[in-house]
Amino acid sequence: MAMKETEFEIFGLKYKTKQFSAIEGLSILDSLATIHPVIMLRHTKLIIDGKWEDLNYSNINDNVKDFSNAMSPRMAMKVLCAHVSDINFGFLDSWKAIQVPSRFLSGAKTVSAEGIEPVISTLVQEGVASIRELEEYYSLEDAYRMFDIIMSKAVNSLLGQEEAEREAKRNR
């Protein structure tokens, strides 16, 4: 686990991108449909004149295009952004959250830290990762996997406790 770096080719151009960190990914996720390409591509590089260059405003304008002219530069940008988005968020298409049986849910009001996503808060509270690790090392996919592990452990513990209580009643 760690933010993966992926190399790929689109329209004859070679790119590489690094996944967003867990915290960065969560902040982008809510505005994915309207995010500016420069933000989406901030961890993406392109080979220009034989060396990897960050995609900044000028590099994007000058180099992100379909050199066969089969599509407009704007459409080429959309294709590139969609690919980078899939590298970062594509796992969510098949992700299934751990289902907590409704009998274990209560209407009790909970307290959470303001401005901290519940997934991040849970990972830090459980001692699985620090804020710094979630900012610098772990990807959003990593965070979701760790969160699922915590949730499955909690549900399994509750199911075990419930079964132990039933067995204790039967043995009275």
Protein backbone atom coordinates (compact mmCIF):
# COMPACT_ATOMS: atom_id res chain seq x y z
CA MET A 1 0.00 0.00 0.00
CA ALA A 2 1.13 3.47 -0.86
CA MET A 3 0.25 6.01 -3.49
CA LYS A 4 0.96 4.23 -6.76
CA GLU A 5 2.65 5.81 -9.74
CA THR A 6 1.25 4.73 -13.11
CA GLU A 7 2.67 5.26 -16.59
CA PHE A 8 0.33 5.31 -19.57
CA GLU A 9 0.06 6.52 -23.13
CA ILE A 10 -2.78 8.56 -24.63
CA PHE A 11 -2.83 9.93 -28.17
CA GLY A 12 0.80 8.96 -28.65
CA LEU A 13 1.99 10.91 -25.60
CA LYS A 14 3.56 9.24 -22.58
CA TYR A 15 2.32 10.29 -19.14
CA LYS A 16 2.85 9.21 -15.57
CA THR A 17 0.73 10.11 -12.61
CA LYS A 18 0.85 9.49 -8.89
CA GLN A 19 -2.33 8.79 -6.97
CA PHE A 20 -3.67 11.52 -4.73
CA SER A 21 -3.13 11.07 -1.03
CA ALA A 22 -6.10 9.87 1.02
CA ILE A 23 -6.81 13.35 2.37
CA GLU A 24 -6.33 15.06 -0.99
CA GLY A 25 -8.48 12.44 -2.72
CA LEU A 26 -11.34 12.87 -0.27
CA SER A 27 -11.25 16.65 -0.69
CA ILE A 28 -11.40 16.28 -4.49
CA LEU A 29 -14.03 13.53 -4.52
CA ASP A 30 -16.92 15.84 -3.62
CA SER A 31 -16.19 18.17 -6.55
CA LEU A 32 -14.98 15.64 -9.10
CA ALA A 33 -17.40 16.74 -11.83
CA THR A 34 -16.32 20.39 -11.65
CA ILE A 35 -12.65 20.15 -10.74
CA HIS A 36 -10.23 22.23 -12.82
CA PRO A 37 -7.87 20.15 -15.00
CA VAL A 38 -4.78 21.71 -13.41
CA ILE A 39 -5.89 20.34 -10.03
CA MET A 40 -6.79 16.94 -11.46
CA LEU A 41 -3.42 16.74 -13.21
CA ARG A 42 -1.23 18.20 -10.46
CA HIS A 43 0.57 14.87 -9.90
CA THR A 44 0.79 14.05 -13.62
CA LYS A 45 3.88 14.42 -15.77
CA LEU A 46 4.42 14.25 -19.50
CA ILE A 47 7.55 13.48 -21.49
CA ILE A 48 8.57 16.70 -23.24
CA ASP A 49 11.80 16.72 -25.23
CA GLY A 50 12.85 13.42 -23.66
CA LYS A 51 12.33 14.33 -19.99
CA TRP A 52 9.43 14.20 -17.55
CA GLU A 53 7.80 17.60 -17.01
CA ASP A 54 5.01 18.52 -14.60
CA LEU A 55 1.75 19.40 -16.27
CA ASN A 56 1.30 23.08 -15.44
CA TYR A 57 -0.81 25.68 -17.26
CA SER A 58 1.59 26.22 -20.15
CA ASN A 59 2.51 22.54 -20.56
CA ILE A 60 -1.15 21.63 -20.62
CA ASN A 61 -2.00 24.25 -23.23
CA ASP A 62 0.99 23.43 -25.41
CA ASN A 63 1.10 19.64 -25.12
CA VAL A 64 -2.19 18.05 -24.13
CA LYS A 65 -3.78 17.35 -27.48
CA ASP A 66 -4.42 14.66 -30.02
CA PHE A 67 -1.54 15.06 -32.46
CA SER A 68 -3.51 13.18 -35.13
CA ASN A 69 -6.11 15.99 -34.89
CA ALA A 70 -8.91 13.45 -34.65
CA MET A 71 -10.32 15.35 -31.67
CA SER A 72 -10.13 18.82 -30.23
CA PRO A 73 -7.60 19.73 -27.51
CA ARG A 74 -10.51 20.20 -25.10
CA MET A 75 -11.72 16.64 -25.74
CA ALA A 76 -8.15 15.31 -25.40
CA MET A 77 -7.97 17.09 -22.02
CA LYS A 78 -11.24 15.45 -20.94
CA VAL A 79 -9.95 12.02 -21.93
CA LEU A 80 -6.70 12.59 -19.99
CA CYS A 81 -8.54 13.89 -16.91
CA ALA A 82 -10.96 10.95 -17.04
CA HIS A 83 -8.03 8.51 -17.15
CA VAL A 84 -6.30 10.18 -14.19
CA SER A 85 -9.62 10.23 -12.34
CA ASP A 86 -10.04 6.51 -12.97
CA ILE A 87 -6.53 5.82 -11.63
CA ASN A 88 -7.47 7.67 -8.42
CA PHE A 89 -11.16 6.93 -7.98
CA GLY A 90 -11.99 4.00 -10.27
CA PHE A 91 -11.89 1.54 -7.38
CA LEU A 92 -15.09 3.15 -6.07
CA ASP A 93 -17.05 1.68 -9.00
CA SER A 94 -16.71 -1.80 -7.52
CA TRP A 95 -16.24 -0.92 -3.82
CA LYS A 96 -18.91 -2.26 -1.51
CA ALA A 97 -19.10 -0.79 1.95
CA ILE A 98 -19.20 -3.17 4.90
CA GLN A 99 -22.85 -3.58 5.81
CA VAL A 100 -23.53 -3.02 9.48
CA PRO A 101 -26.69 -4.86 10.55
CA SER A 102 -29.34 -2.33 11.53
CA ARG A 103 -29.75 -3.89 14.98
CA PHE A 104 -26.24 -2.61 15.78
CA LEU A 105 -27.06 0.95 14.79
CA SER A 106 -28.48 3.39 17.28
CA GLY A 107 -29.89 6.84 17.09
CA ALA A 108 -27.27 8.08 19.52
CA LYS A 109 -25.74 11.38 18.53
CA THR A 110 -22.05 11.10 17.77
CA VAL A 111 -19.32 13.71 17.97
CA SER A 112 -16.79 14.21 15.22
CA ALA A 113 -13.97 16.61 14.57
CA GLU A 114 -15.03 19.53 12.40
CA GLY A 115 -13.47 19.54 8.95
CA ILE A 116 -12.21 15.96 9.20
CA GLU A 117 -13.82 13.30 7.02
CA PRO A 118 -15.23 10.38 9.06
CA VAL A 119 -13.00 7.87 7.23
CA ILE A 120 -9.89 9.86 8.15
CA SER A 121 -11.08 10.38 11.71
CA THR A 122 -11.71 6.65 12.17
CA LEU A 123 -8.31 5.66 10.81
CA VAL A 124 -6.53 8.10 13.11
CA GLN A 125 -8.66 7.23 16.18
CA GLU A 126 -8.02 3.52 15.66
CA GLY A 127 -4.27 4.16 15.39
CA VAL A 128 -4.10 2.68 11.89
CA ALA A 129 -2.57 5.78 10.30
CA SER A 130 -1.52 9.27 11.25
CA ILE A 131 -2.75 12.45 9.57
CA ARG A 132 0.72 12.85 8.08
CA GLU A 133 0.66 9.32 6.59
CA LEU A 134 -2.79 10.01 5.13
CA GLU A 135 -1.47 13.25 3.62
CA GLU A 136 1.82 11.91 2.29
CA TYR A 137 1.82 8.13 1.94
CA TYR A 138 -1.58 6.43 1.70
CA SER A 139 -3.92 6.77 -1.27
CA LEU A 140 -7.69 7.09 -0.98
CA GLU A 141 -8.01 3.45 -2.00
CA ASP A 142 -5.64 2.49 0.83
CA ALA A 143 -7.75 4.51 3.28
CA TYR A 144 -10.97 2.82 2.17
CA ARG A 145 -9.38 -0.63 2.51
CA MET A 146 -8.12 0.15 6.02
CA PHE A 147 -11.55 1.56 6.93
CA ASP A 148 -13.21 -1.64 5.67
CA ILE A 149 -10.86 -3.72 7.83
CA ILE A 150 -11.80 -1.68 10.90
CA MET A 151 -15.51 -1.92 10.10
CA SER A 152 -15.42 -5.67 9.45
CA LYS A 153 -13.54 -6.21 12.71
CA ALA A 154 -16.16 -4.19 14.60
CA VAL A 155 -19.10 -6.00 12.98
CA ASN A 156 -17.51 -9.40 13.57
CA SER A 157 -16.90 -8.49 17.20
CA LEU A 158 -20.53 -7.45 17.63
CA LEU A 159 -21.76 -10.64 15.94
CA GLY A 160 -19.52 -12.71 18.21
CA GLN A 161 -20.74 -10.87 21.29
CA GLU A 162 -24.35 -11.35 20.20
CA GLU A 163 -23.80 -15.11 19.72
CA ALA A 164 -22.04 -15.39 23.10
CA GLU A 165 -25.04 -13.71 24.77
CA ARG A 166 -27.47 -16.16 23.08
CA GLU A 167 -25.35 -19.09 24.16
CA ALA A 168 -25.14 -17.81 27.72
CA LYS A 169 -28.96 -17.55 27.84
CA ARG A 170 -29.32 -21.13 26.52
CA ASN A 171 -26.96 -22.45 29.22
CA ARG A 172 -28.81 -20.88 32.14
